[in-house]
Full PDB file with SEQRES, HELIX, SHEET, SSBOND, CRYST1, ORIGX, SCALE, CONECT and MASTER records, all heavy atoms in Angstrom:
SEQRES   1 A   39  TYR ASP ASN ARG ALA GLU VAL GLN LYS VAL LEU VAL ILE          
SEQRES   2 A   39  THR LEU LEU LEU ASN LEU LEU VAL MET GLY LEU LYS ALA          
SEQRES   3 A   39  PHE VAL GLY TYR SER THR GLY SER LEU SER LEU LEU ALA          
HELIX    1 AA1 ARG A    4  THR A   32  1                                  29    
HELIX    2 AA2 LEU A   35  LEU A   38  1                                   4    
CRYST1    1.000    1.000    1.000  90.00  90.00  90.00 P 1           1          
ORIGX1      1.000000  0.000000  0.000000        0.00000                         
ORIGX2      0.000000  1.000000  0.000000        0.00000                         
ORIGX3      0.000000  0.000000  1.000000        0.00000                         
SCALE1      1.000000  0.000000  0.000000        0.00000                         
SCALE2      0.000000  1.000000  0.000000        0.00000                         
SCALE3      0.000000  0.000000  1.000000        0.00000                         
ATOM      1  N   TYR A   1     -10.258 -70.043 -65.421  1.00  0.00           N  
ATOM      2  CA  TYR A   1      -9.571 -68.826 -65.836  1.00  0.00           C  
ATOM      3  C   TYR A   1     -10.605 -67.710 -65.917  1.00  0.00           C  
ATOM      4  O   TYR A   1     -11.549 -67.779 -66.693  1.00  0.00           O  
ATOM      5  CB  TYR A   1      -8.895 -69.048 -67.187  1.00  0.00           C  
ATOM      6  CG  TYR A   1      -8.375 -67.783 -67.826  1.00  0.00           C  
ATOM      7  CD1 TYR A   1      -7.510 -66.948 -67.134  1.00  0.00           C  
ATOM      8  CD2 TYR A   1      -8.766 -67.430 -69.106  1.00  0.00           C  
ATOM      9  CE1 TYR A   1      -7.043 -65.785 -67.719  1.00  0.00           C  
ATOM     10  CE2 TYR A   1      -8.295 -66.279 -69.708  1.00  0.00           C  
ATOM     11  CZ  TYR A   1      -7.429 -65.462 -69.014  1.00  0.00           C  
ATOM     12  OH  TYR A   1      -6.961 -64.322 -69.591  1.00  0.00           O  
ATOM     13  N   ASP A   2     -10.412 -66.682 -65.097  1.00  0.00           N  
ATOM     14  CA  ASP A   2     -11.355 -65.575 -65.051  1.00  0.00           C  
ATOM     15  C   ASP A   2     -10.915 -64.516 -66.056  1.00  0.00           C  
ATOM     16  O   ASP A   2      -9.945 -63.784 -65.838  1.00  0.00           O  
ATOM     17  CB  ASP A   2     -11.397 -64.987 -63.635  1.00  0.00           C  
ATOM     18  CG  ASP A   2     -12.568 -64.029 -63.455  1.00  0.00           C  
ATOM     19  OD1 ASP A   2     -13.196 -63.684 -64.475  1.00  0.00           O  
ATOM     20  OD2 ASP A   2     -12.844 -63.628 -62.314  1.00  0.00           O  
ATOM     21  N   ASN A   3     -11.615 -64.450 -67.199  1.00  0.00           N  
ATOM     22  CA  ASN A   3     -11.237 -63.530 -68.274  1.00  0.00           C  
ATOM     23  C   ASN A   3     -12.099 -62.274 -68.292  1.00  0.00           C  
ATOM     24  O   ASN A   3     -12.040 -61.492 -69.239  1.00  0.00           O  
ATOM     25  CB  ASN A   3     -11.335 -64.241 -69.630  1.00  0.00           C  
ATOM     26  CG  ASN A   3     -12.762 -64.703 -69.930  1.00  0.00           C  
ATOM     27  OD1 ASN A   3     -13.706 -64.355 -69.223  1.00  0.00           O  
ATOM     28  ND2 ASN A   3     -12.922 -65.501 -70.974  1.00  0.00           N  
ATOM     29  N   ARG A   4     -12.907 -62.071 -67.253  1.00  0.00           N  
ATOM     30  CA  ARG A   4     -13.923 -61.011 -67.310  1.00  0.00           C  
ATOM     31  C   ARG A   4     -13.339 -59.611 -67.447  1.00  0.00           C  
ATOM     32  O   ARG A   4     -13.896 -58.770 -68.161  1.00  0.00           O  
ATOM     33  CB  ARG A   4     -14.819 -61.089 -66.076  1.00  0.00           C  
ATOM     34  CG  ARG A   4     -15.779 -62.267 -66.098  1.00  0.00           C  
ATOM     35  CD  ARG A   4     -16.596 -62.321 -64.826  1.00  0.00           C  
ATOM     36  NE  ARG A   4     -15.735 -62.548 -63.668  1.00  0.00           N  
ATOM     37  CZ  ARG A   4     -16.101 -62.304 -62.412  1.00  0.00           C  
ATOM     38  NH1 ARG A   4     -17.288 -61.822 -62.162  1.00  0.00           N  
ATOM     39  NH2 ARG A   4     -15.284 -62.565 -61.412  1.00  0.00           N  
ATOM     40  N   ALA A   5     -12.213 -59.333 -66.794  1.00  0.00           N  
ATOM     41  CA  ALA A   5     -11.629 -57.988 -66.862  1.00  0.00           C  
ATOM     42  C   ALA A   5     -11.240 -57.650 -68.298  1.00  0.00           C  
ATOM     43  O   ALA A   5     -11.515 -56.542 -68.790  1.00  0.00           O  
ATOM     44  CB  ALA A   5     -10.414 -57.905 -65.933  1.00  0.00           C  
ATOM     45  N   GLU A   6     -10.620 -58.594 -69.000  1.00  0.00           N  
ATOM     46  CA  GLU A   6     -10.216 -58.342 -70.375  1.00  0.00           C  
ATOM     47  C   GLU A   6     -11.423 -58.249 -71.300  1.00  0.00           C  
ATOM     48  O   GLU A   6     -11.460 -57.414 -72.206  1.00  0.00           O  
ATOM     49  CB  GLU A   6      -9.276 -59.446 -70.845  1.00  0.00           C  
ATOM     50  CG  GLU A   6      -8.589 -59.128 -72.155  1.00  0.00           C  
ATOM     51  CD  GLU A   6      -7.320 -59.933 -72.369  1.00  0.00           C  
ATOM     52  OE1 GLU A   6      -7.061 -60.846 -71.560  1.00  0.00           O  
ATOM     53  OE2 GLU A   6      -6.607 -59.659 -73.335  1.00  0.00           O  
ATOM     54  N   VAL A   7     -12.423 -59.101 -71.065  1.00  0.00           N  
ATOM     55  CA  VAL A   7     -13.648 -59.056 -71.877  1.00  0.00           C  
ATOM     56  C   VAL A   7     -14.334 -57.708 -71.724  1.00  0.00           C  
ATOM     57  O   VAL A   7     -14.762 -57.089 -72.713  1.00  0.00           O  
ATOM     58  CB  VAL A   7     -14.604 -60.203 -71.474  1.00  0.00           C  
ATOM     59  CG1 VAL A   7     -15.972 -60.007 -72.116  1.00  0.00           C  
ATOM     60  CG2 VAL A   7     -14.024 -61.553 -71.880  1.00  0.00           C  
ATOM     61  N   GLN A   8     -14.443 -57.218 -70.496  1.00  0.00           N  
ATOM     62  CA  GLN A   8     -15.116 -55.948 -70.251  1.00  0.00           C  
ATOM     63  C   GLN A   8     -14.353 -54.777 -70.869  1.00  0.00           C  
ATOM     64  O   GLN A   8     -14.957 -53.839 -71.405  1.00  0.00           O  
ATOM     65  CB  GLN A   8     -15.298 -55.747 -68.749  1.00  0.00           C  
ATOM     66  CG  GLN A   8     -16.339 -56.683 -68.136  1.00  0.00           C  
ATOM     67  CD  GLN A   8     -16.348 -56.647 -66.625  1.00  0.00           C  
ATOM     68  OE1 GLN A   8     -15.592 -55.919 -66.001  1.00  0.00           O  
ATOM     69  NE2 GLN A   8     -17.207 -57.457 -66.029  1.00  0.00           N  
ATOM     70  N   LYS A   9     -13.024 -54.834 -70.836  1.00  0.00           N  
ATOM     71  CA  LYS A   9     -12.209 -53.784 -71.465  1.00  0.00           C  
ATOM     72  C   LYS A   9     -12.488 -53.718 -72.963  1.00  0.00           C  
ATOM     73  O   LYS A   9     -12.692 -52.635 -73.526  1.00  0.00           O  
ATOM     74  CB  LYS A   9     -10.726 -54.069 -71.205  1.00  0.00           C  
ATOM     75  CG  LYS A   9      -9.779 -53.115 -71.925  1.00  0.00           C  
ATOM     76  CD  LYS A   9      -8.339 -53.543 -71.719  1.00  0.00           C  
ATOM     77  CE  LYS A   9      -7.389 -52.699 -72.570  1.00  0.00           C  
ATOM     78  NZ  LYS A   9      -5.978 -53.142 -72.441  1.00  0.00           N  
ATOM     79  N   VAL A  10     -12.515 -54.882 -73.614  1.00  0.00           N  
ATOM     80  CA  VAL A  10     -12.784 -54.935 -75.055  1.00  0.00           C  
ATOM     81  C   VAL A  10     -14.178 -54.418 -75.365  1.00  0.00           C  
ATOM     82  O   VAL A  10     -14.389 -53.662 -76.321  1.00  0.00           O  
ATOM     83  CB  VAL A  10     -12.609 -56.372 -75.583  1.00  0.00           C  
ATOM     84  CG1 VAL A  10     -13.050 -56.473 -77.045  1.00  0.00           C  
ATOM     85  CG2 VAL A  10     -11.163 -56.818 -75.448  1.00  0.00           C  
ATOM     86  N   LEU A  11     -15.159 -54.797 -74.549  1.00  0.00           N  
ATOM     87  CA  LEU A  11     -16.541 -54.383 -74.792  1.00  0.00           C  
ATOM     88  C   LEU A  11     -16.715 -52.870 -74.641  1.00  0.00           C  
ATOM     89  O   LEU A  11     -17.483 -52.254 -75.379  1.00  0.00           O  
ATOM     90  CB  LEU A  11     -17.484 -55.124 -73.836  1.00  0.00           C  
ATOM     91  CG  LEU A  11     -17.716 -56.604 -74.155  1.00  0.00           C  
ATOM     92  CD1 LEU A  11     -18.507 -57.276 -73.043  1.00  0.00           C  
ATOM     93  CD2 LEU A  11     -18.435 -56.775 -75.491  1.00  0.00           C  
ATOM     94  N   VAL A  12     -16.002 -52.270 -73.689  1.00  0.00           N  
ATOM     95  CA  VAL A  12     -16.090 -50.812 -73.512  1.00  0.00           C  
ATOM     96  C   VAL A  12     -15.499 -50.097 -74.727  1.00  0.00           C  
ATOM     97  O   VAL A  12     -16.086 -49.135 -75.254  1.00  0.00           O  
ATOM     98  CB  VAL A  12     -15.368 -50.378 -72.219  1.00  0.00           C  
ATOM     99  CG1 VAL A  12     -15.214 -48.860 -72.182  1.00  0.00           C  
ATOM    100  CG2 VAL A  12     -16.136 -50.840 -70.989  1.00  0.00           C  
ATOM    101  N   ILE A  13     -14.343 -50.569 -75.208  1.00  0.00           N  
ATOM    102  CA  ILE A  13     -13.713 -49.959 -76.382  1.00  0.00           C  
ATOM    103  C   ILE A  13     -14.617 -50.067 -77.605  1.00  0.00           C  
ATOM    104  O   ILE A  13     -14.851 -49.097 -78.333  1.00  0.00           O  
ATOM    105  CB  ILE A  13     -12.350 -50.620 -76.663  1.00  0.00           C  
ATOM    106  CG1 ILE A  13     -11.359 -50.284 -75.547  1.00  0.00           C  
ATOM    107  CG2 ILE A  13     -11.784 -50.167 -78.017  1.00  0.00           C  
ATOM    108  CD1 ILE A  13     -10.047 -51.056 -75.631  1.00  0.00           C  
ATOM    109  N   THR A  14     -15.159 -51.271 -77.833  1.00  0.00           N  
ATOM    110  CA  THR A  14     -16.021 -51.464 -79.010  1.00  0.00           C  
ATOM    111  C   THR A  14     -17.344 -50.720 -78.872  1.00  0.00           C  
ATOM    112  O   THR A  14     -17.910 -50.288 -79.879  1.00  0.00           O  
ATOM    113  CB  THR A  14     -16.286 -52.960 -79.251  1.00  0.00           C  
ATOM    114  OG1 THR A  14     -16.836 -53.553 -78.071  1.00  0.00           O  
ATOM    115  CG2 THR A  14     -15.008 -53.681 -79.620  1.00  0.00           C  
ATOM    116  N   LEU A  15     -17.836 -50.553 -77.637  1.00  0.00           N  
ATOM    117  CA  LEU A  15     -19.060 -49.769 -77.436  1.00  0.00           C  
ATOM    118  C   LEU A  15     -18.854 -48.336 -77.905  1.00  0.00           C  
ATOM    119  O   LEU A  15     -19.701 -47.774 -78.622  1.00  0.00           O  
ATOM    120  CB  LEU A  15     -19.466 -49.801 -75.966  1.00  0.00           C  
ATOM    121  CG  LEU A  15     -20.618 -48.874 -75.557  1.00  0.00           C  
ATOM    122  CD1 LEU A  15     -21.892 -49.230 -76.314  1.00  0.00           C  
ATOM    123  CD2 LEU A  15     -20.858 -48.928 -74.051  1.00  0.00           C  
ATOM    124  N   LEU A  16     -17.732 -47.734 -77.520  1.00  0.00           N  
ATOM    125  CA  LEU A  16     -17.456 -46.349 -77.926  1.00  0.00           C  
ATOM    126  C   LEU A  16     -17.327 -46.244 -79.447  1.00  0.00           C  
ATOM    127  O   LEU A  16     -17.861 -45.306 -80.062  1.00  0.00           O  
ATOM    128  CB  LEU A  16     -16.182 -45.856 -77.242  1.00  0.00           C  
ATOM    129  CG  LEU A  16     -16.250 -45.745 -75.711  1.00  0.00           C  
ATOM    130  CD1 LEU A  16     -14.884 -45.366 -75.138  1.00  0.00           C  
ATOM    131  CD2 LEU A  16     -17.305 -44.738 -75.286  1.00  0.00           C  
ATOM    132  N   LEU A  17     -16.646 -47.213 -80.062  1.00  0.00           N  
ATOM    133  CA  LEU A  17     -16.497 -47.190 -81.515  1.00  0.00           C  
ATOM    134  C   LEU A  17     -17.829 -47.415 -82.221  1.00  0.00           C  
ATOM    135  O   LEU A  17     -18.117 -46.779 -83.252  1.00  0.00           O  
ATOM    136  CB  LEU A  17     -15.485 -48.259 -81.950  1.00  0.00           C  
ATOM    137  CG  LEU A  17     -14.021 -47.999 -81.560  1.00  0.00           C  
ATOM    138  CD1 LEU A  17     -13.150 -49.190 -81.915  1.00  0.00           C  
ATOM    139  CD2 LEU A  17     -13.493 -46.735 -82.238  1.00  0.00           C  
ATOM    140  N   ASN A  18     -18.663 -48.305 -81.682  1.00  0.00           N  
ATOM    141  CA  ASN A  18     -19.971 -48.562 -82.290  1.00  0.00           C  
ATOM    142  C   ASN A  18     -20.900 -47.366 -82.179  1.00  0.00           C  
ATOM    143  O   ASN A  18     -21.720 -47.121 -83.073  1.00  0.00           O  
ATOM    144  CB  ASN A  18     -20.618 -49.794 -81.641  1.00  0.00           C  
ATOM    145  CG  ASN A  18     -20.017 -51.093 -82.141  1.00  0.00           C  
ATOM    146  OD1 ASN A  18     -19.566 -51.182 -83.275  1.00  0.00           O  
ATOM    147  ND2 ASN A  18     -20.008 -52.108 -81.292  1.00  0.00           N  
ATOM    148  N   LEU A  19     -20.799 -46.623 -81.076  1.00  0.00           N  
ATOM    149  CA  LEU A  19     -21.598 -45.394 -80.945  1.00  0.00           C  
ATOM    150  C   LEU A  19     -21.183 -44.370 -81.998  1.00  0.00           C  
ATOM    151  O   LEU A  19     -22.029 -43.677 -82.572  1.00  0.00           O  
ATOM    152  CB  LEU A  19     -21.441 -44.814 -79.536  1.00  0.00           C  
ATOM    153  CG  LEU A  19     -22.143 -45.582 -78.409  1.00  0.00           C  
ATOM    154  CD1 LEU A  19     -21.749 -45.013 -77.055  1.00  0.00           C  
ATOM    155  CD2 LEU A  19     -23.669 -45.540 -78.587  1.00  0.00           C  
ATOM    156  N   LEU A  20     -19.873 -44.287 -82.256  1.00  0.00           N  
ATOM    157  CA  LEU A  20     -19.381 -43.390 -83.305  1.00  0.00           C  
ATOM    158  C   LEU A  20     -19.917 -43.813 -84.665  1.00  0.00           C  
ATOM    159  O   LEU A  20     -20.418 -42.983 -85.443  1.00  0.00           O  
ATOM    160  CB  LEU A  20     -17.851 -43.398 -83.307  1.00  0.00           C  
ATOM    161  CG  LEU A  20     -17.175 -42.641 -84.455  1.00  0.00           C  
ATOM    162  CD1 LEU A  20     -17.481 -41.141 -84.372  1.00  0.00           C  
ATOM    163  CD2 LEU A  20     -15.667 -42.877 -84.446  1.00  0.00           C  
ATOM    164  N   VAL A  21     -19.838 -45.100 -84.963  1.00  0.00           N  
ATOM    165  CA  VAL A  21     -20.320 -45.633 -86.243  1.00  0.00           C  
ATOM    166  C   VAL A  21     -21.812 -45.387 -86.411  1.00  0.00           C  
ATOM    167  O   VAL A  21     -22.278 -44.950 -87.471  1.00  0.00           O  
ATOM    168  CB  VAL A  21     -20.003 -47.145 -86.336  1.00  0.00           C  
ATOM    169  CG1 VAL A  21     -20.798 -47.805 -87.454  1.00  0.00           C  
ATOM    170  CG2 VAL A  21     -18.503 -47.352 -86.556  1.00  0.00           C  
ATOM    171  N   MET A  22     -22.568 -45.665 -85.347  1.00  0.00           N  
ATOM    172  CA  MET A  22     -24.020 -45.474 -85.398  1.00  0.00           C  
ATOM    173  C   MET A  22     -24.368 -44.018 -85.686  1.00  0.00           C  
ATOM    174  O   MET A  22     -25.240 -43.718 -86.515  1.00  0.00           O  
ATOM    175  CB  MET A  22     -24.637 -45.908 -84.068  1.00  0.00           C  
ATOM    176  CG  MET A  22     -26.149 -45.729 -83.986  1.00  0.00           C  
ATOM    177  SD  MET A  22     -26.769 -46.068 -82.316  1.00  0.00           S  
ATOM    178  CE  MET A  22     -26.052 -44.695 -81.402  1.00  0.00           C  
ATOM    179  N   GLY A  23     -23.675 -43.088 -85.018  1.00  0.00           N  
ATOM    180  CA  GLY A  23     -23.952 -41.661 -85.220  1.00  0.00           C  
ATOM    181  C   GLY A  23     -23.652 -41.221 -86.641  1.00  0.00           C  
ATOM    182  O   GLY A  23     -24.447 -40.484 -87.249  1.00  0.00           O  
ATOM    183  N   LEU A  24     -22.533 -41.697 -87.202  1.00  0.00           N  
ATOM    184  CA  LEU A  24     -22.172 -41.305 -88.561  1.00  0.00           C  
ATOM    185  C   LEU A  24     -23.155 -41.870 -89.584  1.00  0.00           C  
ATOM    186  O   LEU A  24     -23.563 -41.173 -90.525  1.00  0.00           O  
ATOM    187  CB  LEU A  24     -20.751 -41.781 -88.875  1.00  0.00           C  
ATOM    188  CG  LEU A  24     -19.616 -41.068 -88.129  1.00  0.00           C  
ATOM    189  CD1 LEU A  24     -18.279 -41.722 -88.439  1.00  0.00           C  
ATOM    190  CD2 LEU A  24     -19.578 -39.586 -88.485  1.00  0.00           C  
ATOM    191  N   LYS A  25     -23.547 -43.122 -89.413  1.00  0.00           N  
ATOM    192  CA  LYS A  25     -24.512 -43.719 -90.346  1.00  0.00           C  
ATOM    193  C   LYS A  25     -25.863 -43.007 -90.281  1.00  0.00           C  
ATOM    194  O   LYS A  25     -26.496 -42.769 -91.322  1.00  0.00           O  
ATOM    195  CB  LYS A  25     -24.693 -45.209 -90.034  1.00  0.00           C  
ATOM    196  CG  LYS A  25     -23.535 -46.090 -90.443  1.00  0.00           C  
ATOM    197  CD  LYS A  25     -23.822 -47.543 -90.102  1.00  0.00           C  
ATOM    198  CE  LYS A  25     -22.664 -48.450 -90.471  1.00  0.00           C  
ATOM    199  NZ  LYS A  25     -22.910 -49.859 -90.082  1.00  0.00           N  
ATOM    200  N   ALA A  26     -26.320 -42.716 -89.058  1.00  0.00           N  
ATOM    201  CA  ALA A  26     -27.613 -42.038 -88.917  1.00  0.00           C  
ATOM    202  C   ALA A  26     -27.564 -40.641 -89.543  1.00  0.00           C  
ATOM    203  O   ALA A  26     -28.511 -40.222 -90.223  1.00  0.00           O  
ATOM    204  CB  ALA A  26     -27.985 -41.950 -87.435  1.00  0.00           C  
ATOM    205  N   PHE A  27     -26.452 -39.952 -89.330  1.00  0.00           N  
ATOM    206  CA  PHE A  27     -26.308 -38.595 -89.894  1.00  0.00           C  
ATOM    207  C   PHE A  27     -26.376 -38.628 -91.420  1.00  0.00           C  
ATOM    208  O   PHE A  27     -27.140 -37.882 -92.046  1.00  0.00           O  
ATOM    209  CB  PHE A  27     -24.983 -37.985 -89.432  1.00  0.00           C  
ATOM    210  CG  PHE A  27     -24.622 -36.717 -90.135  1.00  0.00           C  
ATOM    211  CD1 PHE A  27     -25.278 -35.525 -89.841  1.00  0.00           C  
ATOM    212  CD2 PHE A  27     -23.630 -36.709 -91.125  1.00  0.00           C  
ATOM    213  CE1 PHE A  27     -24.945 -34.346 -90.508  1.00  0.00           C  
ATOM    214  CE2 PHE A  27     -23.305 -35.553 -91.791  1.00  0.00           C  
ATOM    215  CZ  PHE A  27     -23.963 -34.358 -91.488  1.00  0.00           C  
ATOM    216  N   VAL A  28     -25.578 -39.515 -92.030  1.00  0.00           N  
ATOM    217  CA  VAL A  28     -25.562 -39.604 -93.498  1.00  0.00           C  
ATOM    218  C   VAL A  28     -26.887 -40.150 -94.016  1.00  0.00           C  
ATOM    219  O   VAL A  28     -27.395 -39.704 -95.048  1.00  0.00           O  
ATOM    220  CB  VAL A  28     -24.386 -40.485 -93.980  1.00  0.00           C  
ATOM    221  CG1 VAL A  28     -24.406 -40.617 -95.500  1.00  0.00           C  
ATOM    222  CG2 VAL A  28     -23.056 -39.910 -93.525  1.00  0.00           C  
ATOM    223  N   GLY A  29     -27.486 -41.100 -93.273  1.00  0.00           N  
ATOM    224  CA  GLY A  29     -28.764 -41.666 -93.695  1.00  0.00           C  
ATOM    225  C   GLY A  29     -29.871 -40.629 -93.755  1.00  0.00           C  
ATOM    226  O   GLY A  29     -30.632 -40.562 -94.733  1.00  0.00           O  
ATOM    227  N   TYR A  30     -29.957 -39.802 -92.717  1.00  0.00           N  
ATOM    228  CA  TYR A  30     -31.000 -38.772 -92.698  1.00  0.00           C  
ATOM    229  C   TYR A  30     -30.720 -37.670 -93.720  1.00  0.00           C  
ATOM    230  O   TYR A  30     -31.647 -37.130 -94.342  1.00  0.00           O  
ATOM    231  CB  TYR A  30     -31.124 -38.171 -91.298  1.00  0.00           C  
ATOM    232  CG  TYR A  30     -31.951 -39.019 -90.356  1.00  0.00           C  
ATOM    233  CD1 TYR A  30     -31.365 -39.657 -89.270  1.00  0.00           C  
ATOM    234  CD2 TYR A  30     -33.318 -39.189 -90.564  1.00  0.00           C  
ATOM    235  CE1 TYR A  30     -32.115 -40.442 -88.404  1.00  0.00           C  
ATOM    236  CE2 TYR A  30     -34.084 -39.970 -89.713  1.00  0.00           C  
ATOM    237  CZ  TYR A  30     -33.476 -40.592 -88.632  1.00  0.00           C  
ATOM    238  OH  TYR A  30     -34.212 -41.378 -87.779  1.00  0.00           O  
ATOM    239  N   SER A  31     -29.449 -37.333 -93.910  1.00  0.00           N  
ATOM    240  CA  SER A  31     -29.125 -36.255 -94.856  1.00  0.00           C  
ATOM    241  C   SER A  31     -29.346 -36.676 -96.298  1.00  0.00           C  
ATOM    242  O   SER A  31     -29.651 -35.836 -97.151  1.00  0.00           O  
ATOM    243  CB  SER A  31     -27.682 -35.798 -94.649  1.00  0.00           C  
ATOM    244  OG  SER A  31     -26.769 -36.842 -94.968  1.00  0.00           O  
ATOM    245  N   THR A  32     -29.217 -37.983 -96.582  1.00  0.00           N  
ATOM    246  CA  THR A  32     -29.404 -38.464 -97.956  1.00  0.00           C  
ATOM    247  C   THR A  32     -30.795 -39.045 -98.200  1.00  0.00           C  
ATOM    248  O   THR A  32     -31.218 -39.159 -99.343  1.00  0.00           O  
ATOM    249  CB  THR A  32     -28.366 -39.555 -98.289  1.00  0.00           C  
ATOM    250  OG1 THR A  32     -28.548 -40.667 -97.397  1.00  0.00           O  
ATOM    251  CG2 THR A  32     -26.954 -39.014 -98.166  1.00  0.00           C  
ATOM    252  N   GLY A  33     -31.495 -39.417 -97.148  1.00  0.00           N  
ATOM    253  CA  GLY A  33     -32.798 -40.057 -97.299  1.00  0.00           C  
ATOM    254  C   GLY A  33     -32.696 -41.516 -97.705  1.00  0.00           C  
ATOM    255  O   GLY A  33     -33.654 -42.079 -98.248  1.00  0.00           O  
ATOM    256  N   SER A  34     -31.563 -42.157 -97.436  1.00  0.00           N  
ATOM    257  CA  SER A  34     -31.337 -43.551 -97.856  1.00  0.00           C  
ATOM    258  C   SER A  34     -31.968 -44.525 -96.872  1.00  0.00           C  
ATOM    259  O   SER A  34     -31.584 -44.575 -95.695  1.00  0.00           O  
ATOM    260  CB  SER A  34     -29.835 -43.823 -97.970  1.00  0.00           C  
ATOM    261  OG  SER A  34     -29.591 -45.207 -98.117  1.00  0.00           O  
ATOM    262  N   LEU A  35     -32.912 -45.335 -97.354  1.00  0.00           N  
ATOM    263  CA  LEU A  35     -33.552 -46.353 -96.519  1.00  0.00           C  
ATOM    264  C   LEU A  35     -32.555 -47.428 -96.107  1.00  0.00           C  
ATOM    265  O   LEU A  35     -32.528 -47.855 -94.951  1.00  0.00           O  
ATOM    266  CB  LEU A  35     -34.718 -46.987 -97.286  1.00  0.00           C  
ATOM    267  CG  LEU A  35     -35.392 -48.183 -96.607  1.00  0.00           C  
ATOM    268  CD1 LEU A  35     -36.088 -47.749 -95.328  1.00  0.00           C  
ATOM    269  CD2 LEU A  35     -36.393 -48.839 -97.561  1.00  0.00           C  
ATOM    270  N   SER A  36     -31.727 -47.888 -97.058  1.00  0.00           N  
ATOM    271  CA  SER A  36     -30.775 -48.948 -96.737  1.00  0.00           C  
ATOM    272  C   SER A  36     -29.744 -48.492 -95.714  1.00  0.00           C  
ATOM    273  O   SER A  36     -29.338 -49.260 -94.831  1.00  0.00           O  
ATOM    274  CB  SER A  36     -30.072 -49.432 -98.018  1.00  0.00           C  
ATOM    275  OG  SER A  36     -29.365 -48.379 -98.646  1.00  0.00           O  
ATOM    276  N   LEU A  37     -29.339 -47.222 -95.781  1.00  0.00           N  
ATOM    277  CA  LEU A  37     -28.360 -46.716 -94.818  1.00  0.00           C  
ATOM    278  C   LEU A  37     -28.987 -46.524 -93.439  1.00  0.00           C  
ATOM    279  O   LEU A  37     -28.351 -46.788 -92.417  1.00  0.00           O  
ATOM    280  CB  LEU A  37     -27.749 -45.403 -95.321  1.00  0.00           C  
ATOM    281  CG  LEU A  37     -26.583 -44.849 -94.490  1.00  0.00           C  
ATOM    282  CD1 LEU A  37     -25.498 -45.902 -94.310  1.00  0.00           C  
ATOM    283  CD2 LEU A  37     -26.013 -43.602 -95.139  1.00  0.00           C  
ATOM    284  N   LEU A  38     -30.242 -46.080 -93.409  1.00  0.00           N  
ATOM    285  CA  LEU A  38     -30.937 -45.974 -92.120  1.00  0.00           C  
ATOM    286  C   LEU A  38     -31.138 -47.351 -91.502  1.00  0.00           C  
ATOM    287  O   LEU A  38     -31.045 -47.519 -90.281  1.00  0.00           O  
ATOM    288  CB  LEU A  38     -32.284 -45.265 -92.304  1.00  0.00           C  
ATOM    289  CG  LEU A  38     -32.205 -43.764 -92.591  1.00  0.00           C  
ATOM    290  CD1 LEU A  38     -33.596 -43.198 -92.897  1.00  0.00           C  
ATOM    291  CD2 LEU A  38     -31.598 -43.016 -91.405  1.00  0.00           C  
ATOM    292  N   ALA A  39     -31.419 -48.350 -92.353  1.00  0.00           N  
ATOM    293  CA  ALA A  39     -31.518 -49.721 -91.855  1.00  0.00           C  
ATOM    294  C   ALA A  39     -30.175 -50.180 -91.302  1.00  0.00           C  
ATOM    295  O   ALA A  39     -30.098 -50.862 -90.269  1.00  0.00           O  
ATOM    296  CB  ALA A  39     -31.974 -50.650 -92.973  1.00  0.00           C  
TER     297      ALA A  39                                                      
MASTER        0    0    0    2    0    0    0    6  296    1    0    3          
END                                                                             
């Protein structure tokens, strides 16, 4: 069973969401100076 098309679709969606999450955490981390949030 070749599931690659569905796997790749999910990975693209989660990549976009993870980039959003990463940007928001980095923004708040730098603005607050929080080491744990930057980590």
